[in-house]
C-alpha atoms as a PDB file:
ATOM      1  CA  MET A   1     109.792 113.182  50.489  1.00  0.00           C
ATOM      2  CA  GLU A   2     113.453 113.500  51.687  1.00  0.00           C
ATOM      3  CA  ALA A   3     113.067 114.360  55.410  1.00  0.00           C
ATOM      4  CA  ARG A   4     110.785 110.915  55.212  1.00  0.00           C
ATOM      5  CA  VAL A   5     113.549 109.245  53.720  1.00  0.00           C
ATOM      6  CA  LYS A   6     116.115 110.828  55.702  1.00  0.00           C
ATOM      7  CA  THR A   7     113.452 109.694  58.838  1.00  0.00           C
ATOM      8  CA  LEU A   8     114.046 106.220  57.320  1.00  0.00           C
ATOM      9  CA  VAL A   9     117.419 105.666  57.142  1.00  0.00           C
ATOM     10  CA  ARG A  10     117.897 106.918  60.473  1.00  0.00           C
ATOM     11  CA  ARG A  11     115.858 104.185  62.421  1.00  0.00           C
ATOM     12  CA  PHE A  12     117.412 101.376  59.528  1.00  0.00           C
ATOM     13  CA  ARG A  13     120.887 102.485  61.126  1.00  0.00           C
ATOM     14  CA  GLU A  14     119.543 102.109  64.640  1.00  0.00           C
ATOM     15  CA  LEU A  15     118.036  98.718  64.636  1.00  0.00           C
ATOM     16  CA  PRO A  16     119.614  96.323  66.530  1.00  0.00           C
ATOM     17  CA  LEU A  17     120.553  93.905  63.837  1.00  0.00           C
ATOM     18  CA  VAL A  18     122.059  96.158  62.200  1.00  0.00           C
ATOM     19  CA  ARG A  19     124.158  98.665  65.016  1.00  0.00           C
ATOM     20  CA  GLU A  20     125.092  95.028  65.769  1.00  0.00           C
ATOM     21  CA  LEU A  21     126.871  94.096  62.480  1.00  0.00           C
ATOM     22  CA  LYS A  22     127.851  97.934  62.415  1.00  0.00           C
ATOM     23  CA  SER A  23     130.270  96.624  65.809  1.00  0.00           C
ATOM     24  CA  LEU A  24     131.093  93.266  64.105  1.00  0.00           C
ATOM     25  CA  LEU A  25     132.130  95.406  61.126  1.00  0.00           C
ATOM     26  CA  ARG A  26     134.688  97.954  63.510  1.00  0.00           C
ATOM     27  CA  ALA A  27     135.785  95.931  65.156  1.00  0.00           C
ATOM     28  CA  GLY A  28     138.007  95.049  62.108  1.00  0.00           C
ATOM     29  CA  GLY A  29     139.070  98.447  61.494  1.00  0.00           C
ATOM     30  CA  ARG A  30     139.913  99.017  65.667  1.00  0.00           C
ATOM     31  CA  TRP A  31     142.111  96.246  65.624  1.00  0.00           C
ATOM     32  CA  ARG A  32     144.273  97.156  62.364  1.00  0.00           C
ATOM     33  CA  ALA A  33     144.460 100.620  64.147  1.00  0.00           C
ATOM     34  CA  ASP A  34     145.983  99.179  67.711  1.00  0.00           C
ATOM     35  CA  LEU A  35     148.085  97.657  64.860  1.00  0.00           C
ATOM     36  CA  ARG A  36     149.359 100.334  63.162  1.00  0.00           C
ATOM     37  CA  GLU A  37     149.791 101.936  66.423  1.00  0.00           C
ATOM     38  CA  SER A  38     151.985  99.335  68.221  1.00  0.00           C
ATOM     39  CA  TYR A  39     153.860  98.945  64.567  1.00  0.00           C
ATOM     40  CA  VAL A  40     154.674 103.216  64.906  1.00  0.00           C
ATOM     41  CA  LEU A  41     155.711 102.628  69.206  1.00  0.00           C
ATOM     42  CA  LYS A  42     158.554 100.389  67.896  1.00  0.00           C
ATOM     43  CA  HIS A  43     159.681 102.353  64.735  1.00  0.00           C
ATOM     44  CA  PRO A  44     159.120 106.327  65.807  1.00  0.00           C
ATOM     45  CA  PRO A  45     157.967 108.309  62.559  1.00  0.00           C
ATOM     46  CA  PRO A  46     160.409 110.458  60.905  1.00  0.00           C
ATOM     47  CA  HIS A  47     157.700 113.563  62.044  1.00  0.00           C
ATOM     48  CA  GLU A  48     156.738 114.238  66.107  1.00  0.00           C
ATOM     49  CA  LEU A  49     154.089 116.826  64.234  1.00  0.00           C
ATOM     50  CA  ALA A  50     153.013 117.735  60.836  1.00  0.00           C
ATOM     51  CA  ILE A  51     150.478 119.640  59.103  1.00  0.00           C
ATOM     52  CA  ALA A  52     148.294 118.907  56.405  1.00  0.00           C
ATOM     53  CA  ALA A  53     146.298 122.300  55.133  1.00  0.00           C
ATOM     54  CA  ILE A  54     144.270 122.513  51.327  1.00  0.00           C
ATOM     55  CA  PHE A  55     145.290 125.299  49.741  1.00  0.00           C
ATOM     56  CA  LYS A  56     143.906 127.318  46.426  1.00  0.00           C
ATOM     57  CA  ASN A  57     145.542 130.492  45.065  1.00  0.00           C
ATOM     58  CA  GLU A  58     147.373 130.574  48.210  1.00  0.00           C
ATOM     59  CA  ALA A  59     150.601 131.719  47.060  1.00  0.00           C
ATOM     60  CA  ALA A  60     150.389 135.041  49.147  1.00  0.00           C
ATOM     61  CA  ASN A  61     150.620 133.427  51.916  1.00  0.00           C
ATOM     62  CA  LEU A  62     152.252 130.397  51.959  1.00  0.00           C
ATOM     63  CA  ASP A  63     155.772 131.613  53.110  1.00  0.00           C
ATOM     64  CA  GLU A  64     154.328 132.990  56.804  1.00  0.00           C
ATOM     65  CA  TRP A  65     151.880 129.851  57.122  1.00  0.00           C
ATOM     66  CA  LEU A  66     154.975 127.474  56.983  1.00  0.00           C
ATOM     67  CA  ARG A  67     157.260 129.713  58.192  1.00  0.00           C
ATOM     68  CA  PHE A  68     155.365 130.427  61.487  1.00  0.00           C
ATOM     69  CA  HIS A  69     154.041 126.430  61.422  1.00  0.00           C
ATOM     70  CA  ARG A  70     157.672 125.188  61.312  1.00  0.00           C
ATOM     71  CA  GLY A  71     158.502 127.492  63.830  1.00  0.00           C
ATOM     72  CA  ILE A  72     156.826 126.206  66.459  1.00  0.00           C
ATOM     73  CA  GLY A  73     158.110 122.383  65.627  1.00  0.00           C
ATOM     74  CA  ALA A  74     156.676 120.901  62.435  1.00  0.00           C
ATOM     75  CA  THR A  75     158.702 119.068  60.627  1.00  0.00           C
ATOM     76  CA  GLN A  76     156.468 118.032  58.161  1.00  0.00           C
ATOM     77  CA  PHE A  77     153.165 120.047  55.756  1.00  0.00           C
ATOM     78  CA  TYR A  78     151.661 118.081  53.904  1.00  0.00           C
ATOM     79  CA  LEU A  79     149.109 120.258  51.263  1.00  0.00           C
ATOM     80  CA  TYR A  80     147.112 119.687  48.828  1.00  0.00           C
ATOM     81  CA  ASN A  81     147.288 122.315  45.964  1.00  0.00           C
ATOM     82  CA  ASN A  82     142.875 122.553  44.319  1.00  0.00           C
ATOM     83  CA  ALA A  83     143.245 123.511  41.200  1.00  0.00           C
ATOM     84  CA  SER A  84     145.315 127.182  41.871  1.00  0.00           C
ATOM     85  CA  THR A  85     145.398 129.579  38.968  1.00  0.00           C
ATOM     86  CA  ASP A  86     148.430 131.589  40.849  1.00  0.00           C
ATOM     87  CA  ASP A  87     151.941 130.834  40.877  1.00  0.00           C
ATOM     88  CA  TYR A  88     152.101 128.895  43.937  1.00  0.00           C
ATOM     89  CA  LEU A  89     154.974 126.398  43.285  1.00  0.00           C
ATOM     90  CA  ALA A  90     157.204 129.890  43.199  1.00  0.00           C
ATOM     91  CA  ALA A  91     155.959 130.449  46.502  1.00  0.00           C
ATOM     92  CA  LEU A  92     156.305 126.600  47.728  1.00  0.00           C
ATOM     93  CA  ARG A  93     159.496 125.933  46.055  1.00  0.00           C
ATOM     94  CA  PRO A  94     162.370 126.326  48.136  1.00  0.00           C
ATOM     95  CA  TRP A  95     160.171 124.082  50.604  1.00  0.00           C
ATOM     96  CA  ILE A  96     160.414 121.042  48.324  1.00  0.00           C
ATOM     97  CA  ASP A  97     162.892 121.096  47.905  1.00  0.00           C
ATOM     98  CA  LYS A  98     164.441 120.703  51.741  1.00  0.00           C
ATOM     99  CA  ARG A  99     161.693 117.998  51.850  1.00  0.00           C
ATOM    100  CA  LEU A 100     159.625 120.093  54.303  1.00  0.00           C
ATOM    101  CA  VAL A 101     156.650 120.089  51.908  1.00  0.00           C
ATOM    102  CA  THR A 102     154.836 116.781  50.114  1.00  0.00           C
ATOM    103  CA  LEU A 103     153.081 118.431  47.604  1.00  0.00           C
ATOM    104  CA  THR A 104     149.273 116.693  46.477  1.00  0.00           C
ATOM    105  CA  GLN A 105     147.424 117.853  43.119  1.00  0.00           C
ATOM    106  CA  TRP A 106     143.977 117.279  43.787  1.00  0.00           C
ATOM    107  CA  PRO A 107     141.980 119.489  41.691  1.00  0.00           C
ATOM    108  CA  ALA A 108     138.083 118.158  42.685  1.00  0.00           C
ATOM    109  CA  ALA A 109     135.244 120.413  43.753  1.00  0.00           C
ATOM    110  CA  LEU A 110     135.001 119.621  47.334  1.00  0.00           C
ATOM    111  CA  ALA A 111     137.764 117.981  47.430  1.00  0.00           C
ATOM    112  CA  GLN A 112     138.402 119.174  51.438  1.00  0.00           C
ATOM    113  CA  ARG A 113     136.889 115.380  53.301  1.00  0.00           C
ATOM    114  CA  SER A 114     139.126 113.297  50.103  1.00  0.00           C
ATOM    115  CA  ALA A 115     142.501 115.129  50.266  1.00  0.00           C
ATOM    116  CA  TYR A 116     142.414 114.617  54.120  1.00  0.00           C
ATOM    117  CA  MET A 117     140.877 110.613  53.690  1.00  0.00           C
ATOM    118  CA  HIS A 118     143.852 111.124  51.487  1.00  0.00           C
ATOM    119  CA  CYS A 119     146.600 111.799  53.101  1.00  0.00           C
ATOM    120  CA  LEU A 120     145.541 109.986  56.583  1.00  0.00           C
ATOM    121  CA  ARG A 121     145.954 106.421  54.855  1.00  0.00           C
ATOM    122  CA  ALA A 122     149.362 107.428  53.458  1.00  0.00           C
ATOM    123  CA  HIS A 123     150.921 109.262  56.088  1.00  0.00           C
ATOM    124  CA  TRP A 124     150.230 107.256  59.195  1.00  0.00           C
ATOM    125  CA  ARG A 125     153.105 106.021  59.287  1.00  0.00           C
ATOM    126  CA  ASP A 126     155.275 108.746  59.317  1.00  0.00           C
ATOM    127  CA  ALA A 127     154.341 111.064  62.001  1.00  0.00           C
ATOM    128  CA  ARG A 128     152.696 111.133  65.410  1.00  0.00           C
ATOM    129  CA  TRP A 129     150.526 113.867  65.643  1.00  0.00           C
ATOM    130  CA  ILE A 130     149.216 115.250  61.816  1.00  0.00           C
ATOM    131  CA  ALA A 131     146.627 118.831  62.367  1.00  0.00           C
ATOM    132  CA  PHE A 132     144.042 119.633  60.499  1.00  0.00           C
ATOM    133  CA  ILE A 133     143.953 123.141  59.238  1.00  0.00           C
ATOM    134  CA  ASP A 134     143.404 126.416  56.515  1.00  0.00           C
ATOM    135  CA  LEU A 135     145.734 128.265  55.456  1.00  0.00           C
ATOM    136  CA  ASP A 136     144.300 131.178  57.753  1.00  0.00           C
ATOM    137  CA  GLU A 137     144.496 129.173  61.129  1.00  0.00           C
ATOM    138  CA  PHE A 138     147.593 129.499  63.489  1.00  0.00           C
ATOM    139  CA  LEU A 139     148.030 126.917  65.615  1.00  0.00           C
ATOM    140  CA  PHE A 140     150.654 128.042  68.096  1.00  0.00           C
ATOM    141  CA  SER A 141     150.654 128.437  72.174  1.00  0.00           C
ATOM    142  CA  PRO A 142     150.709 132.011  74.187  1.00  0.00           C
ATOM    143  CA  GLN A 143     152.905 129.069  76.886  1.00  0.00           C
ATOM    144  CA  ALA A 144     155.681 128.012  73.968  1.00  0.00           C
ATOM    145  CA  VAL A 145     156.882 128.722  70.938  1.00  0.00           C
ATOM    146  CA  ASP A 146     157.305 124.661  70.247  1.00  0.00           C
ATOM    147  CA  ILE A 147     154.801 123.273  70.988  1.00  0.00           C
ATOM    148  CA  ARG A 148     155.872 119.541  70.947  1.00  0.00           C
ATOM    149  CA  PRO A 149     156.641 119.220  74.467  1.00  0.00           C
ATOM    150  CA  ILE A 150     152.682 120.153  74.720  1.00  0.00           C
ATOM    151  CA  LEU A 151     151.766 117.753  73.127  1.00  0.00           C
ATOM    152  CA  ARG A 152     154.073 114.547  74.150  1.00  0.00           C
ATOM    153  CA  SER A 153     151.504 115.292  77.173  1.00  0.00           C
ATOM    154  CA  TYR A 154     148.778 114.242  75.873  1.00  0.00           C
ATOM    155  CA  ALA A 155     150.185 111.149  73.964  1.00  0.00           C
ATOM    156  CA  ASP A 156     148.260 108.642  75.480  1.00  0.00           C
ATOM    157  CA  LEU A 157     144.815 110.897  73.132  1.00  0.00           C
ATOM    158  CA  PRO A 158     143.601 109.815  69.654  1.00  0.00           C
ATOM    159  CA  ALA A 159     142.553 113.644  69.032  1.00  0.00           C
ATOM    160  CA  LEU A 160     143.423 116.244  70.317  1.00  0.00           C
ATOM    161  CA  TYR A 161     140.806 119.347  69.743  1.00  0.00           C
ATOM    162  CA  ILE A 162     141.837 123.518  69.680  1.00  0.00           C
ATOM    163  CA  TYR A 163     139.284 125.699  69.617  1.00  0.00           C
ATOM    164  CA  TRP A 164     140.367 129.388  67.262  1.00  0.00           C
ATOM    165  CA  THR A 165     138.947 132.492  67.544  1.00  0.00           C
ATOM    166  CA  LYS A 166     138.312 134.180  64.753  1.00  0.00           C
ATOM    167  CA  PHE A 167     140.221 137.936  63.952  1.00  0.00           C
ATOM    168  CA  GLY A 168     138.276 141.135  61.595  1.00  0.00           C
ATOM    169  CA  SER A 169     139.565 142.851  59.131  1.00  0.00           C
ATOM    170  CA  SER A 170     141.491 145.241  61.390  1.00  0.00           C
ATOM    171  CA  GLY A 171     140.311 147.672  59.070  1.00  0.00           C
ATOM    172  CA  HIS A 172     142.331 146.830  56.353  1.00  0.00           C
ATOM    173  CA  MET A 173     140.188 148.021  53.014  1.00  0.00           C
ATOM    174  CA  ARG A 174     143.003 146.129  50.680  1.00  0.00           C
ATOM    175  CA  ARG A 175     145.413 143.476  51.720  1.00  0.00           C
ATOM    176  CA  PRO A 176     148.522 144.985  53.813  1.00  0.00           C
ATOM    177  CA  ALA A 177     152.004 144.530  52.515  1.00  0.00           C
ATOM    178  CA  MET A 178     153.049 142.804  55.935  1.00  0.00           C
ATOM    179  CA  PRO A 179     152.720 140.010  57.264  1.00  0.00           C
ATOM    180  CA  VAL A 180     149.042 138.698  58.079  1.00  0.00           C
ATOM    181  CA  VAL A 181     149.651 138.326  62.424  1.00  0.00           C
ATOM    182  CA  GLU A 182     151.094 141.221  62.194  1.00  0.00           C
ATOM    183  CA  ALA A 183     149.094 143.059  60.277  1.00  0.00           C
ATOM    184  CA  TYR A 184     145.601 141.920  61.822  1.00  0.00           C
ATOM    185  CA  LEU A 185     145.384 142.040  65.642  1.00  0.00           C
ATOM    186  CA  ARG A 186     141.644 142.691  66.664  1.00  0.00           C
ATOM    187  CA  ARG A 187     138.953 139.607  67.148  1.00  0.00           C
ATOM    188  CA  GLU A 188     136.257 138.192  68.172  1.00  0.00           C
ATOM    189  CA  PRO A 189     134.899 138.093  71.701  1.00  0.00           C
ATOM    190  CA  LEU A 190     136.709 134.797  73.208  1.00  0.00           C
ATOM    191  CA  GLY A 191     134.464 131.736  73.819  1.00  0.00           C
ATOM    192  CA  LEU A 192     131.955 133.189  72.007  1.00  0.00           C
ATOM    193  CA  SER A 193     131.363 129.434  69.818  1.00  0.00           C
ATOM    194  CA  ASP A 194     133.604 126.053  70.317  1.00  0.00           C
ATOM    195  CA  SER A 195     134.395 125.782  66.787  1.00  0.00           C
ATOM    196  CA  GLY A 196     138.193 125.087  65.899  1.00  0.00           C
ATOM    197  CA  LYS A 197     139.998 121.946  64.613  1.00  0.00           C
ATOM    198  CA  SER A 198     141.878 118.500  65.392  1.00  0.00           C
ATOM    199  CA  ILE A 199     145.528 117.224  65.582  1.00  0.00           C
ATOM    200  CA  VAL A 200     145.125 113.373  65.583  1.00  0.00           C
ATOM    201  CA  ASN A 201     147.060 110.292  65.086  1.00  0.00           C
ATOM    202  CA  PRO A 202     146.312 109.409  61.817  1.00  0.00           C
ATOM    203  CA  ARG A 203     146.285 106.002  62.646  1.00  0.00           C
ATOM    204  CA  TYR A 204     142.783 105.962  64.941  1.00  0.00           C
ATOM    205  CA  VAL A 205     140.631 108.091  62.617  1.00  0.00           C
ATOM    206  CA  ARG A 206     137.996 106.815  61.060  1.00  0.00           C
ATOM    207  CA  ASN A 207     136.687 108.699  58.571  1.00  0.00           C
ATOM    208  CA  VAL A 208     135.854 112.596  58.484  1.00  0.00           C
ATOM    209  CA  PRO A 209     132.815 113.496  58.698  1.00  0.00           C
ATOM    210  CA  ASN A 210     133.841 117.189  58.721  1.00  0.00           C
ATOM    211  CA  ALA A 211     137.071 119.596  58.720  1.00  0.00           C
ATOM    212  CA  HIS A 212     136.950 120.007  62.405  1.00  0.00           C
ATOM    213  CA  HIS A 213     135.748 117.271  64.701  1.00  0.00           C
ATOM    214  CA  PHE A 214     137.640 113.305  63.207  1.00  0.00           C
ATOM    215  CA  ALA A 215     135.081 109.786  63.308  1.00  0.00           C
ATOM    216  CA  LEU A 216     137.862 108.080  65.318  1.00  0.00           C
ATOM    217  CA  TRP A 217     138.246 103.802  65.782  1.00  0.00           C
ATOM    218  CA  ARG A 218     139.646 104.449  69.554  1.00  0.00           C
ATOM    219  CA  GLY A 219     138.482 106.772  72.008  1.00  0.00           C
ATOM    220  CA  HIS A 220     137.050 110.117  71.938  1.00  0.00           C
ATOM    221  CA  THR A 221     138.167 113.559  70.995  1.00  0.00           C
ATOM    222  CA  VAL A 222     139.754 116.081  74.139  1.00  0.00           C
ATOM    223  CA  ASP A 223     140.225 120.039  74.489  1.00  0.00           C
ATOM    224  CA  THR A 224     143.433 120.186  76.022  1.00  0.00           C
ATOM    225  CA  LEU A 225     141.657 119.974  79.623  1.00  0.00           C
ATOM    226  CA  ARG A 226     140.253 116.533  78.371  1.00  0.00           C
ATOM    227  CA  ARG A 227     137.024 117.111  78.023  1.00  0.00           C
ATOM    228  CA  PRO A 228     135.270 114.894  74.972  1.00  0.00           C
ATOM    229  CA  THR A 229     133.938 117.214  72.432  1.00  0.00           C
ATOM    230  CA  MET A 230     131.857 117.282  69.221  1.00  0.00           C
ATOM    231  CA  SER A 231     131.394 118.283  66.056  1.00  0.00           C
ATOM    232  CA  PRO A 232     131.032 122.315  66.218  1.00  0.00           C
ATOM    233  CA  ARG A 233     128.096 123.123  67.345  1.00  0.00           C
ATOM    234  CA  GLY A 234     128.225 126.996  67.476  1.00  0.00           C
ATOM    235  CA  PRO A 235     127.175 129.125  70.393  1.00  0.00           C
ATOM    236  CA  ALA A 236     129.541 127.224  72.890  1.00  0.00           C
ATOM    237  CA  LEU A 237     128.096 125.650  76.316  1.00  0.00           C
ATOM    238  CA  PRO A 238     128.222 128.161  79.567  1.00  0.00           C
ATOM    239  CA  ASN A 239     129.302 124.491  80.880  1.00  0.00           C
ATOM    240  CA  CYS A 240     131.920 123.812  78.932  1.00  0.00           C
ATOM    241  CA  PRO A 241     133.454 127.221  77.720  1.00  0.00           C
ATOM    242  CA  PRO A 242     136.190 126.923  75.424  1.00  0.00           C
ATOM    243  CA  VAL A 243     139.954 127.382  76.380  1.00  0.00           C
ATOM    244  CA  TYR A 244     142.954 128.647  74.780  1.00  0.00           C
ATOM    245  CA  ASP A 245     145.523 129.069  77.569  1.00  0.00           C
ATOM    246  CA  VAL A 246     147.073 125.924  76.182  1.00  0.00           C
ATOM    247  CA  LEU A 247     146.988 125.646  72.468  1.00  0.00           C
ATOM    248  CA  ARG A 248     144.639 127.942  70.326  1.00  0.00           C
ATOM    249  CA  ILE A 249     143.955 128.703  66.948  1.00  0.00           C
ATOM    250  CA  ASN A 250     144.119 132.039  65.422  1.00  0.00           C
ATOM    251  CA  HIS A 251     141.170 131.894  62.206  1.00  0.00           C
ATOM    252  CA  TYR A 252     142.430 135.081  60.411  1.00  0.00           C
ATOM    253  CA  PHE A 253     138.891 134.324  58.474  1.00  0.00           C
ATOM    254  CA  PHE A 254     137.849 138.012  56.859  1.00  0.00           C
ATOM    255  CA  LYS A 255     141.489 140.083  56.789  1.00  0.00           C
ATOM    256  CA  SER A 256     140.905 142.756  54.352  1.00  0.00           C
ATOM    257  CA  GLN A 257     138.179 143.655  52.399  1.00  0.00           C
ATOM    258  CA  GLU A 258     140.382 142.763  49.428  1.00  0.00           C
ATOM    259  CA  ASP A 259     140.825 138.908  50.978  1.00  0.00           C
ATOM    260  CA  LEU A 260     137.530 138.381  51.963  1.00  0.00           C
ATOM    261  CA  ALA A 261     135.938 139.069  48.696  1.00  0.00           C
ATOM    262  CA  ALA A 262     138.788 136.620  47.262  1.00  0.00           C
ATOM    263  CA  LYS A 263     137.610 134.154  50.110  1.00  0.00           C
ATOM    264  CA  VAL A 264     133.722 134.428  49.167  1.00  0.00           C
ATOM    265  CA  ALA A 265     134.829 133.486  45.436  1.00  0.00           C
ATOM    266  CA  ARG A 266     136.652 130.999  45.612  1.00  0.00           C
ATOM    267  CA  GLY A 267     133.855 128.912  48.183  1.00  0.00           C
ATOM    268  CA  ASP A 268     133.939 126.327  50.183  1.00  0.00           C
ATOM    269  CA  ALA A 269     136.642 123.059  49.714  1.00  0.00           C
ATOM    270  CA  PHE A 270     133.789 120.889  52.109  1.00  0.00           C
ATOM    271  CA  TYR A 271     130.647 121.510  52.005  1.00  0.00           C
ATOM    272  CA  ASP A 272     128.101 122.143  48.459  1.00  0.00           C
ATOM    273  CA  ALA A 273     127.426 126.246  49.218  1.00  0.00           C
ATOM    274  CA  SER A 274     127.946 129.364  48.372  1.00  0.00           C
ATOM    275  CA  ARG A 275     129.778 131.927  50.450  1.00  0.00           C
ATOM    276  CA  ASP A 276     127.668 135.357  50.708  1.00  0.00           C
ATOM    277  CA  PHE A 277     129.869 138.711  51.295  1.00  0.00           C
ATOM    278  CA  GLU A 278     127.719 141.228  52.577  1.00  0.00           C
ATOM    279  CA  ARG A 279     126.952 138.786  55.624  1.00  0.00           C
ATOM    280  CA  HIS A 280     131.136 137.832  55.665  1.00  0.00           C
ATOM    281  CA  LEU A 281     130.966 141.763  56.941  1.00  0.00           C
ATOM    282  CA  SER A 282     128.772 141.910  59.026  1.00  0.00           C
ATOM    283  CA  GLY A 283     130.562 138.709  60.730  1.00  0.00           C
ATOM    284  CA  ASP A 284     133.227 141.232  60.550  1.00  0.00           C
ATOM    285  CA  ARG A 285     132.473 143.983  62.574  1.00  0.00           C
ATOM    286  CA  LEU A 286     132.006 141.538  65.528  1.00  0.00           C
ATOM    287  CA  ALA A 287     135.822 139.736  64.321  1.00  0.00           C
ATOM    288  CA  ASN A 288     137.257 143.808  64.815  1.00  0.00           C
ATOM    289  CA  ALA A 289     136.037 143.677  68.940  1.00  0.00           C
ATOM    290  CA  GLU A 290     138.651 143.327  70.627  1.00  0.00           C
ATOM    291  CA  GLU A 291     142.936 143.851  70.330  1.00  0.00           C
ATOM    292  CA  ASP A 292     145.117 140.556  70.755  1.00  0.00           C
ATOM    293  CA  LEU A 293     148.445 140.393  70.302  1.00  0.00           C
ATOM    294  CA  THR A 294     149.130 137.789  71.768  1.00  0.00           C
ATOM    295  CA  ILE A 295     150.506 135.117  68.715  1.00  0.00           C
ATOM    296  CA  LEU A 296     153.476 138.869  68.567  1.00  0.00           C
ATOM    297  CA  ALA A 297     155.670 137.294  70.935  1.00  0.00           C
ATOM    298  CA  VAL A 298     155.446 133.493  69.672  1.00  0.00           C
ATOM    299  CA  TRP A 299     155.919 135.056  65.966  1.00  0.00           C
ATOM    300  CA  ARG A 300     158.906 137.505  66.805  1.00  0.00           C
ATOM    301  CA  ASP A 301     161.319 134.009  68.647  1.00  0.00           C
ATOM    302  CA  ILE A 302     160.430 132.572  65.057  1.00  0.00           C
ATOM    303  CA  LEU A 303     161.853 135.300  63.529  1.00  0.00           C
ATOM    304  CA  ARG A 304     164.950 135.833  65.921  1.00  0.00           C
ATOM    305  CA  ALA A 305     166.047 131.865  65.064  1.00  0.00           C
ATOM    306  CA  GLU A 306     165.769 132.404  62.453  1.00  0.00           C
ATOM    307  CA  GLY A 307     168.208 135.153  62.752  1.00  0.00           C
ATOM    308  CA  VAL A 308     166.124 138.122  60.664  1.00  0.00           C
ATOM    309  CA  PRO A 309     166.964 141.739  62.377  1.00  0.00           C
ATOM    310  CA  LEU A 310     163.312 142.829  64.293  1.00  0.00           C
ATOM    311  CA  GLN A 311     162.556 146.716  65.019  1.00  0.00           C
ATOM    312  CA  GLU A 312     162.012 146.988  68.817  1.00  0.00           C
END
């Protein structure tokens, strides 16, 4: 019965009259998006790059994640707290006091989509670009520390898709007392999937069908080679392999087994689906296939800029 209903709904949406009506309704949205973009071009926003994320019980990871992304050029963070019970405010207080973090309480179940929509509606005039990533994802360029000059070369686009590669536990059973980017140095082979996240012009986002790839009022989401992308399909297509040389995301999905157990217990913030610890453990084995130290040079440059002494 459910499959039949879905088929009927799809056929209804494909009727010429329905398609024409949707096009007319969306014309108003495109017109509004163009007006907002014209406004921003005349009144440059205070932030060239902002980052949005929703989190739950991530106090141990917040400061490093914020320091890293402040180092690569983000000047504002829109963070949504999804009913955390740890001491997240202690970690965020210095950042809030410096007005680098805008914190919004967002306690709903499956709250990621609604939080992202709220961010887009509330902050469309505040940032040229907003990257939507998670607390276990680190966005960077292997070519430069500050990624804002790179983003300027894509200023004509409504959305840029950045491929990720998953990192494994690197043999850690328990959470190590060291930064994430230094502790987890082994990843899956590059190019296994086309998954990633989007950096968007917030004025041109129409909807958030999933956490990776947004629906737009105008134009297409493309990767750094300007190839059109779609929602992650899973395995990468042979004729469109992922690229990681200009921008990439290190996705520290597994971390230690202790962290993985906590992630499974938290559940998913977007989809109504449970996580299976044993299945993820199997994925962790593949995610430890190869050593990758690329991010360390960027991290060390960030620390040097902060005046942190390093052991060479």
